[in-house]
PDB file of all heavy atoms in Angstrom:
ATOM      1  N   PRO A   1       0.807  -1.224   0.000  1.00  0.00           N
ATOM      2  CA  PRO A   1       0.000   0.000   0.000  1.00  0.00           C
ATOM      3  C   PRO A   1       0.840   1.274   0.000  1.00  0.00           C
ATOM      4  O   PRO A   1       0.332   2.342  -0.351  1.00  0.00           O
ATOM      5  CB  PRO A   1      -0.816  -0.123   1.293  1.00  0.00           C
ATOM      6  CG  PRO A   1       0.022  -0.976   2.185  1.00  0.00           C
ATOM      7  CD  PRO A   1       0.683  -1.960   1.268  1.00  0.00           C
ATOM      8  N   LEU A   2       2.111   1.165   0.370  1.00  0.00           N
ATOM      9  CA  LEU A   2       2.972   2.352   0.421  1.00  0.00           C
ATOM     10  C   LEU A   2       3.630   2.632  -0.918  1.00  0.00           C
ATOM     11  O   LEU A   2       3.955   3.778  -1.232  1.00  0.00           O
ATOM     12  CB  LEU A   2       4.042   2.179   1.503  1.00  0.00           C
ATOM     13  CG  LEU A   2       3.525   1.846   2.908  1.00  0.00           C
ATOM     14  CD1 LEU A   2       4.685   1.770   3.894  1.00  0.00           C
ATOM     15  CD2 LEU A   2       2.498   2.867   3.367  1.00  0.00           C
ATOM     16  N   THR A   3       3.846   1.594  -1.724  1.00  0.00           N
ATOM     17  CA  THR A   3       4.530   1.767  -3.011  1.00  0.00           C
ATOM     18  C   THR A   3       3.647   1.417  -4.204  1.00  0.00           C
ATOM     19  O   THR A   3       3.938   1.826  -5.323  1.00  0.00           O
ATOM     20  CB  THR A   3       5.788   0.886  -3.072  1.00  0.00           C
ATOM     21  OG1 THR A   3       5.380  -0.500  -3.047  1.00  0.00           O
ATOM     22  CG2 THR A   3       6.704   1.162  -1.880  1.00  0.00           C
ATOM     23  N   GLY A   4       2.591   0.643  -3.962  1.00  0.00           N
ATOM     24  CA  GLY A   4       1.724   0.176  -5.040  1.00  0.00           C
ATOM     25  C   GLY A   4       2.287  -0.986  -5.826  1.00  0.00           C
ATOM     26  O   GLY A   4       1.638  -1.491  -6.741  1.00  0.00           O
ATOM     27  N   LYS A   5       3.487  -1.442  -5.474  1.00  0.00           N
ATOM     28  CA  LYS A   5       4.129  -2.504  -6.234  1.00  0.00           C
ATOM     29  C   LYS A   5       3.625  -3.878  -5.800  1.00  0.00           C
ATOM     30  O   LYS A   5       3.320  -4.109  -4.638  1.00  0.00           O
ATOM     31  CB  LYS A   5       5.645  -2.435  -6.050  1.00  0.00           C
ATOM     32  CG  LYS A   5       6.282  -1.193  -6.671  1.00  0.00           C
ATOM     33  CD  LYS A   5       7.797  -1.232  -6.510  1.00  0.00           C
ATOM     34  CE  LYS A   5       8.443   0.000  -7.154  1.00  0.00           C
ATOM     35  NZ  LYS A   5       9.926  -0.003  -6.978  1.00  0.00           N
ATOM     36  N   ILE A   6       3.549  -4.787  -6.781  1.00  0.00           N
ATOM     37  CA  ILE A   6       3.226  -6.189  -6.526  1.00  0.00           C
ATOM     38  C   ILE A   6       4.419  -7.018  -6.966  1.00  0.00           C
ATOM     39  O   ILE A   6       4.867  -6.912  -8.115  1.00  0.00           O
ATOM     40  CB  ILE A   6       1.970  -6.633  -7.294  1.00  0.00           C
ATOM     41  CG1 ILE A   6       0.757  -5.791  -6.895  1.00  0.00           C
ATOM     42  CG2 ILE A   6       1.682  -8.112  -7.038  1.00  0.00           C
ATOM     43  CD1 ILE A   6      -0.495  -6.117  -7.686  1.00  0.00           C
ATOM     44  N   ILE A   7       4.959  -7.829  -6.068  1.00  0.00           N
ATOM     45  CA  ILE A   7       6.110  -8.631  -6.432  1.00  0.00           C
ATOM     46  C   ILE A   7       5.657  -9.845  -7.243  1.00  0.00           C
ATOM     47  O   ILE A   7       4.493 -10.235  -7.214  1.00  0.00           O
ATOM     48  CB  ILE A   7       6.906  -9.073  -5.191  1.00  0.00           C
ATOM     49  CG1 ILE A   7       6.077 -10.006  -4.299  1.00  0.00           C
ATOM     50  CG2 ILE A   7       7.388  -7.867  -4.412  1.00  0.00           C
ATOM     51  CD1 ILE A   7       6.883 -10.600  -3.150  1.00  0.00           C
ATOM     52  N   SER A   8       6.583 -10.446  -7.956  1.00  0.00           N
ATOM     53  CA  SER A   8       6.277 -11.614  -8.785  1.00  0.00           C
ATOM     54  C   SER A   8       6.092 -12.841  -7.909  1.00  0.00           C
ATOM     55  O   SER A   8       6.545 -12.892  -6.759  1.00  0.00           O
ATOM     56  CB  SER A   8       7.411 -11.861  -9.780  1.00  0.00           C
ATOM     57  OG  SER A   8       8.591 -12.241  -9.084  1.00  0.00           O
ATOM     58  N   ALA A   9       5.457 -13.856  -8.481  1.00  0.00           N
ATOM     59  CA  ALA A   9       5.282 -15.115  -7.751  1.00  0.00           C
ATOM     60  C   ALA A   9       6.632 -15.744  -7.428  1.00  0.00           C
ATOM     61  O   ALA A   9       6.816 -16.305  -6.329  1.00  0.00           O
ATOM     62  CB  ALA A   9       4.423 -16.074  -8.574  1.00  0.00           C
ATOM     63  N   SER A  10       7.578 -15.657  -8.342  1.00  0.00           N
ATOM     64  CA  SER A  10       8.889 -16.265  -8.093  1.00  0.00           C
ATOM     65  C   SER A  10       9.601 -15.581  -6.931  1.00  0.00           C
ATOM     66  O   SER A  10      10.206 -16.250  -6.080  1.00  0.00           O
ATOM     67  CB  SER A  10       9.757 -16.220  -9.355  1.00  0.00           C
ATOM     68  OG  SER A  10       9.941 -14.888  -9.792  1.00  0.00           O
ATOM     69  N   GLN A  11       9.523 -14.243  -6.864  1.00  0.00           N
ATOM     70  CA  GLN A  11      10.141 -13.542  -5.747  1.00  0.00           C
ATOM     71  C   GLN A  11       9.437 -13.884  -4.435  1.00  0.00           C
ATOM     72  O   GLN A  11      10.086 -14.088  -3.405  1.00  0.00           O
ATOM     73  CB  GLN A  11      10.110 -12.028  -5.968  1.00  0.00           C
ATOM     74  CG  GLN A  11      10.789 -11.261  -4.825  1.00  0.00           C
ATOM     75  CD  GLN A  11      10.782  -9.753  -5.044  1.00  0.00           C
ATOM     76  OE1 GLN A  11      10.615  -9.287  -6.172  1.00  0.00           O
ATOM     77  NE2 GLN A  11      10.964  -8.991  -3.973  1.00  0.00           N
ATOM     78  N   ARG A  12       8.104 -13.955  -4.493  1.00  0.00           N
ATOM     79  CA  ARG A  12       7.345 -14.284  -3.285  1.00  0.00           C
ATOM     80  C   ARG A  12       7.727 -15.663  -2.769  1.00  0.00           C
ATOM     81  O   ARG A  12       7.897 -15.867  -1.561  1.00  0.00           O
ATOM     82  CB  ARG A  12       5.851 -14.228  -3.582  1.00  0.00           C
ATOM     83  CG  ARG A  12       4.967 -14.371  -2.343  1.00  0.00           C
ATOM     84  CD  ARG A  12       5.048 -13.133  -1.475  1.00  0.00           C
ATOM     85  NE  ARG A  12       3.947 -13.051  -0.543  1.00  0.00           N
ATOM     86  CZ  ARG A  12       4.044 -13.326   0.767  1.00  0.00           C
ATOM     87  NH1 ARG A  12       5.194 -13.698   1.278  1.00  0.00           N
ATOM     88  NH2 ARG A  12       2.992 -13.200   1.553  1.00  0.00           N
ATOM     89  N   LEU A  13       7.879 -16.618  -3.656  1.00  0.00           N
ATOM     90  CA  LEU A  13       8.257 -17.965  -3.243  1.00  0.00           C
ATOM     91  C   LEU A  13       9.657 -17.986  -2.640  1.00  0.00           C
ATOM     92  O   LEU A  13       9.905 -18.684  -1.639  1.00  0.00           O
ATOM     93  CB  LEU A  13       8.154 -18.930  -4.414  1.00  0.00           C
ATOM     94  CG  LEU A  13       6.728 -19.263  -4.859  1.00  0.00           C
ATOM     95  CD1 LEU A  13       6.741 -20.014  -6.182  1.00  0.00           C
ATOM     96  CD2 LEU A  13       5.997 -20.074  -3.796  1.00  0.00           C
ATOM     97  N   ARG A  14      10.572 -17.224  -3.232  1.00  0.00           N
ATOM     98  CA  ARG A  14      11.910 -17.143  -2.647  1.00  0.00           C
ATOM     99  C   ARG A  14      11.847 -16.541  -1.246  1.00  0.00           C
ATOM    100  O   ARG A  14      12.557 -16.974  -0.331  1.00  0.00           O
ATOM    101  CB  ARG A  14      12.835 -16.322  -3.544  1.00  0.00           C
ATOM    102  CG  ARG A  14      13.236 -17.025  -4.838  1.00  0.00           C
ATOM    103  CD  ARG A  14      14.382 -16.300  -5.534  1.00  0.00           C
ATOM    104  NE  ARG A  14      13.994 -14.971  -5.989  1.00  0.00           N
ATOM    105  CZ  ARG A  14      13.458 -14.719  -7.183  1.00  0.00           C
ATOM    106  NH1 ARG A  14      13.231 -15.709  -8.034  1.00  0.00           N
ATOM    107  NH2 ARG A  14      13.157 -13.478  -7.532  1.00  0.00           N
ATOM    108  N   GLU A  15      10.973 -15.551  -1.083  1.00  0.00           N
ATOM    109  CA  GLU A  15      10.830 -14.925   0.236  1.00  0.00           C
ATOM    110  C   GLU A  15      10.198 -15.889   1.241  1.00  0.00           C
ATOM    111  O   GLU A  15      10.570 -15.894   2.422  1.00  0.00           O
ATOM    112  CB  GLU A  15       9.997 -13.648   0.118  1.00  0.00           C
ATOM    113  CG  GLU A  15      10.715 -12.520  -0.603  1.00  0.00           C
ATOM    114  CD  GLU A  15       9.901 -11.244  -0.664  1.00  0.00           C
ATOM    115  OE1 GLU A  15       8.735 -11.264  -0.195  1.00  0.00           O
ATOM    116  OE2 GLU A  15      10.415 -10.231  -1.172  1.00  0.00           O
ATOM    117  N   VAL A  16       9.246 -16.699   0.802  1.00  0.00           N
ATOM    118  CA  VAL A  16       8.632 -17.684   1.697  1.00  0.00           C
ATOM    119  C   VAL A  16       9.686 -18.654   2.212  1.00  0.00           C
ATOM    120  O   VAL A  16       9.719 -18.987   3.410  1.00  0.00           O
ATOM    121  CB  VAL A  16       7.495 -18.432   0.978  1.00  0.00           C
ATOM    122  CG1 VAL A  16       7.047 -19.659   1.778  1.00  0.00           C
ATOM    123  CG2 VAL A  16       6.303 -17.502   0.754  1.00  0.00           C
ATOM    124  N   ILE A  17      10.561 -19.114   1.333  1.00  0.00           N
ATOM    125  CA  ILE A  17      11.640 -20.009   1.756  1.00  0.00           C
ATOM    126  C   ILE A  17      12.551 -19.302   2.753  1.00  0.00           C
ATOM    127  O   ILE A  17      12.963 -19.883   3.769  1.00  0.00           O
ATOM    128  CB  ILE A  17      12.432 -20.500   0.532  1.00  0.00           C
ATOM    129  CG1 ILE A  17      11.536 -21.354  -0.364  1.00  0.00           C
ATOM    130  CG2 ILE A  17      13.674 -21.287   0.962  1.00  0.00           C
ATOM    131  CD1 ILE A  17      12.128 -21.645  -1.733  1.00  0.00           C
ATOM    132  N   GLU A  18      12.827 -18.036   2.494  1.00  0.00           N
ATOM    133  CA  GLU A  18      13.671 -17.256   3.410  1.00  0.00           C
ATOM    134  C   GLU A  18      12.985 -17.072   4.764  1.00  0.00           C
ATOM    135  O   GLU A  18      13.646 -17.136   5.816  1.00  0.00           O
ATOM    136  CB  GLU A  18      13.998 -15.896   2.798  1.00  0.00           C
ATOM    137  CG  GLU A  18      14.906 -15.017   3.640  1.00  0.00           C
ATOM    138  CD  GLU A  18      16.295 -15.603   3.872  1.00  0.00           C
ATOM    139  OE1 GLU A  18      16.724 -16.461   3.066  1.00  0.00           O
ATOM    140  OE2 GLU A  18      16.947 -15.208   4.848  1.00  0.00           O
ATOM    141  N   LEU A  19      11.663 -16.866   4.767  1.00  0.00           N
ATOM    142  CA  LEU A  19      10.939 -16.742   6.035  1.00  0.00           C
ATOM    143  C   LEU A  19      11.040 -18.030   6.848  1.00  0.00           C
ATOM    144  O   LEU A  19      11.203 -17.990   8.076  1.00  0.00           O
ATOM    145  CB  LEU A  19       9.472 -16.402   5.770  1.00  0.00           C
ATOM    146  CG  LEU A  19       9.158 -15.026   5.195  1.00  0.00           C
ATOM    147  CD1 LEU A  19       7.654 -14.884   4.960  1.00  0.00           C
ATOM    148  CD2 LEU A  19       9.661 -13.924   6.120  1.00  0.00           C
ATOM    149  N   GLY A  20      10.924 -19.172   6.169  1.00  0.00           N
ATOM    150  CA  GLY A  20      11.085 -20.438   6.869  1.00  0.00           C
ATOM    151  C   GLY A  20      12.465 -20.571   7.481  1.00  0.00           C
ATOM    152  O   GLY A  20      12.612 -21.034   8.628  1.00  0.00           O
ATOM    153  N   LYS A  21      13.470 -20.149   6.740  1.00  0.00           N
ATOM    154  CA  LYS A  21      14.848 -20.195   7.249  1.00  0.00           C
ATOM    155  C   LYS A  21      15.016 -19.276   8.447  1.00  0.00           C
ATOM    156  O   LYS A  21      15.633 -19.662   9.456  1.00  0.00           O
ATOM    157  CB  LYS A  21      15.811 -19.802   6.124  1.00  0.00           C
ATOM    158  CG  LYS A  21      17.279 -19.879   6.513  1.00  0.00           C
ATOM    159  CD  LYS A  21      18.163 -19.494   5.335  1.00  0.00           C
ATOM    160  CE  LYS A  21      19.633 -19.531   5.728  1.00  0.00           C
ATOM    161  NZ  LYS A  21      20.517 -19.123   4.592  1.00  0.00           N
ATOM    162  N   LEU A  22      14.475 -18.060   8.359  1.00  0.00           N
ATOM    163  CA  LEU A  22      14.569 -17.117   9.471  1.00  0.00           C
ATOM    164  C   LEU A  22      13.868 -17.657  10.709  1.00  0.00           C
ATOM    165  O   LEU A  22      14.382 -17.541  11.830  1.00  0.00           O
ATOM    166  CB  LEU A  22      13.953 -15.769   9.072  1.00  0.00           C
ATOM    167  CG  LEU A  22      14.716 -14.939   8.037  1.00  0.00           C
ATOM    168  CD1 LEU A  22      13.879 -13.737   7.617  1.00  0.00           C
ATOM    169  CD2 LEU A  22      16.059 -14.485   8.605  1.00  0.00           C
ATOM    170  N   ALA A  23      12.683 -18.246  10.526  1.00  0.00           N
ATOM    171  CA  ALA A  23      11.936 -18.793  11.658  1.00  0.00           C
ATOM    172  C   ALA A  23      12.699 -19.935  12.316  1.00  0.00           C
ATOM    173  O   ALA A  23      12.717 -20.068  13.550  1.00  0.00           O
ATOM    174  CB  ALA A  23      10.559 -19.266  11.184  1.00  0.00           C
ATOM    175  N   ASP A  24      13.326 -20.769  11.505  1.00  0.00           N
ATOM    176  CA  ASP A  24      14.110 -21.885  12.028  1.00  0.00           C
ATOM    177  C   ASP A  24      15.313 -21.379  12.810  1.00  0.00           C
ATOM    178  O   ASP A  24      15.578 -21.827  13.934  1.00  0.00           O
ATOM    179  CB  ASP A  24      14.562 -22.760  10.857  1.00  0.00           C
ATOM    180  CG  ASP A  24      15.274 -24.019  11.301  1.00  0.00           C
ATOM    181  OD1 ASP A  24      14.708 -24.767  12.122  1.00  0.00           O
ATOM    182  OD2 ASP A  24      16.401 -24.271  10.825  1.00  0.00           O
ATOM    183  N   GLU A  25      16.041 -20.443  12.236  1.00  0.00           N
ATOM    184  CA  GLU A  25      17.232 -19.909  12.897  1.00  0.00           C
ATOM    185  C   GLU A  25      16.888 -19.157  14.179  1.00  0.00           C
ATOM    186  O   GLU A  25      17.680 -19.135  15.126  1.00  0.00           O
ATOM    187  CB  GLU A  25      17.986 -18.983  11.935  1.00  0.00           C
ATOM    188  CG  GLU A  25      18.621 -19.718  10.750  1.00  0.00           C
ATOM    189  CD  GLU A  25      19.199 -18.778   9.719  1.00  0.00           C
ATOM    190  OE1 GLU A  25      18.862 -17.555   9.769  1.00  0.00           O
ATOM    191  OE2 GLU A  25      19.975 -19.251   8.858  1.00  0.00           O
ATOM    192  N   ALA A  26      15.681 -18.552  14.221  1.00  0.00           N
ATOM    193  CA  ALA A  26      15.265 -17.802  15.407  1.00  0.00           C
ATOM    194  C   ALA A  26      14.781 -18.717  16.531  1.00  0.00           C
ATOM    195  O   ALA A  26      14.576 -18.252  17.652  1.00  0.00           O
ATOM    196  CB  ALA A  26      14.156 -16.816  15.031  1.00  0.00           C
ATOM    197  N   GLY A  27      14.574 -20.009  16.230  1.00  0.00           N
ATOM    198  CA  GLY A  27      14.158 -20.947  17.259  1.00  0.00           C
ATOM    199  C   GLY A  27      12.666 -21.150  17.368  1.00  0.00           C
ATOM    200  O   GLY A  27      12.191 -21.693  18.382  1.00  0.00           O
ATOM    201  N   LEU A  28      11.898 -20.730  16.363  1.00  0.00           N
ATOM    202  CA  LEU A  28      10.471 -21.013  16.376  1.00  0.00           C
ATOM    203  C   LEU A  28      10.233 -22.495  16.081  1.00  0.00           C
ATOM    204  O   LEU A  28      11.105 -23.194  15.572  1.00  0.00           O
ATOM    205  CB  LEU A  28       9.738 -20.119  15.374  1.00  0.00           C
ATOM    206  CG  LEU A  28       9.749 -18.623  15.700  1.00  0.00           C
ATOM    207  CD1 LEU A  28       9.047 -17.824  14.598  1.00  0.00           C
ATOM    208  CD2 LEU A  28       9.098 -18.345  17.052  1.00  0.00           C
ATOM    209  N   ASP A  29       9.035 -22.967  16.393  1.00  0.00           N
ATOM    210  CA  ASP A  29       8.757 -24.398  16.362  1.00  0.00           C
ATOM    211  C   ASP A  29       8.073 -24.886  15.089  1.00  0.00           C
ATOM    212  O   ASP A  29       8.202 -26.058  14.737  1.00  0.00           O
ATOM    213  CB  ASP A  29       7.859 -24.776  17.550  1.00  0.00           C
ATOM    214  CG  ASP A  29       8.472 -24.402  18.879  1.00  0.00           C
ATOM    215  OD1 ASP A  29       9.548 -24.933  19.193  1.00  0.00           O
ATOM    216  OD2 ASP A  29       7.886 -23.565  19.607  1.00  0.00           O
ATOM    217  N   ILE A  30       7.321 -24.008  14.420  1.00  0.00           N
ATOM    218  CA  ILE A  30       6.454 -24.438  13.319  1.00  0.00           C
ATOM    219  C   ILE A  30       6.509 -23.423  12.189  1.00  0.00           C
ATOM    220  O   ILE A  30       6.505 -22.212  12.431  1.00  0.00           O
ATOM    221  CB  ILE A  30       4.987 -24.571  13.786  1.00  0.00           C
ATOM    222  CG1 ILE A  30       4.875 -25.497  14.991  1.00  0.00           C
ATOM    223  CG2 ILE A  30       4.084 -25.068  12.666  1.00  0.00           C
ATOM    224  CD1 ILE A  30       3.743 -25.114  15.912  1.00  0.00           C
ATOM    225  N   PHE A  31       6.520 -23.925  10.960  1.00  0.00           N
ATOM    226  CA  PHE A  31       6.388 -23.063   9.783  1.00  0.00           C
ATOM    227  C   PHE A  31       5.363 -23.686   8.857  1.00  0.00           C
ATOM    228  O   PHE A  31       5.464 -24.864   8.492  1.00  0.00           O
ATOM    229  CB  PHE A  31       7.719 -22.901   9.053  1.00  0.00           C
ATOM    230  CG  PHE A  31       7.651 -21.975   7.871  1.00  0.00           C
ATOM    231  CD1 PHE A  31       7.557 -20.610   8.058  1.00  0.00           C
ATOM    232  CD2 PHE A  31       7.660 -22.468   6.571  1.00  0.00           C
ATOM    233  CE1 PHE A  31       7.477 -19.745   6.972  1.00  0.00           C
ATOM    234  CE2 PHE A  31       7.579 -21.615   5.490  1.00  0.00           C
ATOM    235  CZ  PHE A  31       7.484 -20.243   5.692  1.00  0.00           C
ATOM    236  N   GLY A  32       4.355 -22.906   8.471  1.00  0.00           N
ATOM    237  CA  GLY A  32       3.282 -23.419   7.635  1.00  0.00           C
ATOM    238  C   GLY A  32       3.049 -22.578   6.397  1.00  0.00           C
ATOM    239  O   GLY A  32       3.321 -21.375   6.394  1.00  0.00           O
ATOM    240  N   VAL A  33       2.551 -23.230   5.334  1.00  0.00           N
ATOM    241  CA  VAL A  33       2.144 -22.511   4.121  1.00  0.00           C
ATOM    242  C   VAL A  33       0.758 -22.994   3.715  1.00  0.00           C
ATOM    243  O   VAL A  33       0.433 -24.175   3.844  1.00  0.00           O
ATOM    244  CB  VAL A  33       3.151 -22.705   2.961  1.00  0.00           C
ATOM    245  CG1 VAL A  33       4.517 -22.164   3.344  1.00  0.00           C
ATOM    246  CG2 VAL A  33       3.266 -24.158   2.539  1.00  0.00           C
ATOM    247  N   GLY A  34      -0.056 -22.062   3.239  1.00  0.00           N
ATOM    248  CA  GLY A  34      -1.422 -22.376   2.849  1.00  0.00           C
ATOM    249  C   GLY A  34      -1.547 -22.705   1.379  1.00  0.00           C
ATOM    250  O   GLY A  34      -0.613 -22.525   0.591  1.00  0.00           O
ATOM    251  N   GLU A  35      -2.717 -23.187   0.996  1.00  0.00           N
ATOM    252  CA  GLU A  35      -3.008 -23.603  -0.381  1.00  0.00           C
ATOM    253  C   GLU A  35      -4.112 -22.748  -0.979  1.00  0.00           C
ATOM    254  O   GLU A  35      -5.199 -22.640  -0.413  1.00  0.00           O
ATOM    255  CB  GLU A  35      -3.454 -25.077  -0.397  1.00  0.00           C
ATOM    256  CG  GLU A  35      -3.923 -25.567  -1.762  1.00  0.00           C
ATOM    257  CD  GLU A  35      -4.539 -26.958  -1.715  1.00  0.00           C
ATOM    258  OE1 GLU A  35      -4.425 -27.627  -0.672  1.00  0.00           O
ATOM    259  OE2 GLU A  35      -5.138 -27.365  -2.724  1.00  0.00           O
ATOM    260  N   HIS A  36      -3.829 -22.102  -2.109  1.00  0.00           N
ATOM    261  CA  HIS A  36      -4.843 -21.368  -2.859  1.00  0.00           C
ATOM    262  C   HIS A  36      -4.612 -21.602  -4.347  1.00  0.00           C
ATOM    263  O   HIS A  36      -3.469 -21.804  -4.779  1.00  0.00           O
ATOM    264  CB  HIS A  36      -4.780 -19.862  -2.563  1.00  0.00           C
ATOM    265  CG  HIS A  36      -5.168 -19.504  -1.171  1.00  0.00           C
ATOM    266  ND1 HIS A  36      -4.278 -19.564  -0.119  1.00  0.00           N
ATOM    267  CD2 HIS A  36      -6.353 -19.096  -0.657  1.00  0.00           C
ATOM    268  CE1 HIS A  36      -4.903 -19.202   0.990  1.00  0.00           C
ATOM    269  NE2 HIS A  36      -6.150 -18.907   0.696  1.00  0.00           N
ATOM    270  N   HIS A  37      -5.665 -21.542  -5.110  1.00  0.00           N
ATOM    271  CA  HIS A  37      -5.572 -21.762  -6.558  1.00  0.00           C
ATOM    272  C   HIS A  37      -6.084 -20.512  -7.268  1.00  0.00           C
ATOM    273  O   HIS A  37      -7.109 -20.524  -7.948  1.00  0.00           O
ATOM    274  CB  HIS A  37      -6.362 -23.013  -6.945  1.00  0.00           C
ATOM    275  CG  HIS A  37      -5.848 -24.249  -6.269  1.00  0.00           C
ATOM    276  ND1 HIS A  37      -4.832 -25.016  -6.791  1.00  0.00           N
ATOM    277  CD2 HIS A  37      -6.195 -24.829  -5.081  1.00  0.00           C
ATOM    278  CE1 HIS A  37      -4.572 -26.021  -5.970  1.00  0.00           C
ATOM    279  NE2 HIS A  37      -5.381 -25.933  -4.928  1.00  0.00           N
ATOM    280  N   ARG A  38      -5.347 -19.422  -7.065  1.00  0.00           N
ATOM    281  CA  ARG A  38      -5.707 -18.115  -7.616  1.00  0.00           C
ATOM    282  C   ARG A  38      -4.429 -17.409  -8.033  1.00  0.00           C
ATOM    283  O   ARG A  38      -3.362 -17.643  -7.457  1.00  0.00           O
ATOM    284  CB  ARG A  38      -6.422 -17.264  -6.556  1.00  0.00           C
ATOM    285  CG  ARG A  38      -7.676 -17.860  -5.951  1.00  0.00           C
ATOM    286  CD  ARG A  38      -8.202 -16.956  -4.830  1.00  0.00           C
ATOM    287  NE  ARG A  38      -8.394 -15.592  -5.303  1.00  0.00           N
ATOM    288  CZ  ARG A  38      -9.544 -15.130  -5.790  1.00  0.00           C
ATOM    289  NH1 ARG A  38     -10.598 -15.915  -5.856  1.00  0.00           N
ATOM    290  NH2 ARG A  38      -9.645 -13.884  -6.199  1.00  0.00           N
ATOM    291  N   LEU A  39      -4.550 -16.496  -8.983  1.00  0.00           N
ATOM    292  CA  LEU A  39      -3.374 -15.768  -9.455  1.00  0.00           C
ATOM    293  C   LEU A  39      -2.866 -14.747  -8.445  1.00  0.00           C
ATOM    294  O   LEU A  39      -1.755 -14.241  -8.589  1.00  0.00           O
ATOM    295  CB  LEU A  39      -3.692 -15.072 -10.787  1.00  0.00           C
ATOM    296  CG  LEU A  39      -3.864 -16.016 -11.986  1.00  0.00           C
ATOM    297  CD1 LEU A  39      -4.362 -15.244 -13.194  1.00  0.00           C
ATOM    298  CD2 LEU A  39      -2.550 -16.726 -12.297  1.00  0.00           C
ATOM    299  N   ASP A  40      -3.671 -14.431  -7.426  1.00  0.00           N
ATOM    300  CA  ASP A  40      -3.199 -13.490  -6.414  1.00  0.00           C
ATOM    301  C   ASP A  40      -2.581 -14.197  -5.207  1.00  0.00           C
ATOM    302  O   ASP A  40      -2.397 -13.598  -4.154  1.00  0.00           O
ATOM    303  CB  ASP A  40      -4.324 -12.531  -5.973  1.00  0.00           C
ATOM    304  CG  ASP A  40      -5.676 -13.194  -5.873  1.00  0.00           C
ATOM    305  OD1 ASP A  40      -5.729 -14.433  -5.803  1.00  0.00           O
ATOM    306  OD2 ASP A  40      -6.687 -12.468  -5.873  1.00  0.00           O
ATOM    307  N   TYR A  41      -2.250 -15.474  -5.361  1.00  0.00           N
ATOM    308  CA  TYR A  41      -1.487 -16.227  -4.362  1.00  0.00           C
ATOM    309  C   TYR A  41      -0.400 -17.011  -5.082  1.00  0.00           C
ATOM    310  O   TYR A  41      -0.608 -17.505  -6.198  1.00  0.00           O
ATOM    311  CB  TYR A  41      -2.386 -17.198  -3.589  1.00  0.00           C
ATOM    312  CG  TYR A  41      -3.376 -16.519  -2.682  1.00  0.00           C
ATOM    313  CD1 TYR A  41      -4.640 -16.155  -3.158  1.00  0.00           C
ATOM    314  CD2 TYR A  41      -3.063 -16.225  -1.358  1.00  0.00           C
ATOM    315  CE1 TYR A  41      -5.558 -15.530  -2.335  1.00  0.00           C
ATOM    316  CE2 TYR A  41      -3.971 -15.607  -0.522  1.00  0.00           C
ATOM    317  CZ  TYR A  41      -5.219 -15.255  -1.017  1.00  0.00           C
ATOM    318  OH  TYR A  41      -6.128 -14.630  -0.200  1.00  0.00           O
ATOM    319  N   ALA A  42       0.754 -17.150  -4.443  1.00  0.00           N
ATOM    320  CA  ALA A  42       1.884 -17.824  -5.080  1.00  0.00           C
ATOM    321  C   ALA A  42       1.958 -19.309  -4.758  1.00  0.00           C
ATOM    322  O   ALA A  42       2.730 -20.027  -5.384  1.00  0.00           O
ATOM    323  CB  ALA A  42       3.194 -17.153  -4.657  1.00  0.00           C
TER     324      ALA A  42
END
């Protein structure tokens, strides 16, 4: 909402993997991803 930009699905997926890595390194217990079949979800 601050820039109006929408990142690509490939970038979003790379970021999701990075979030899982960050959560693991920080000592959190669970990492989950949801399922959607729409172009506005990666």
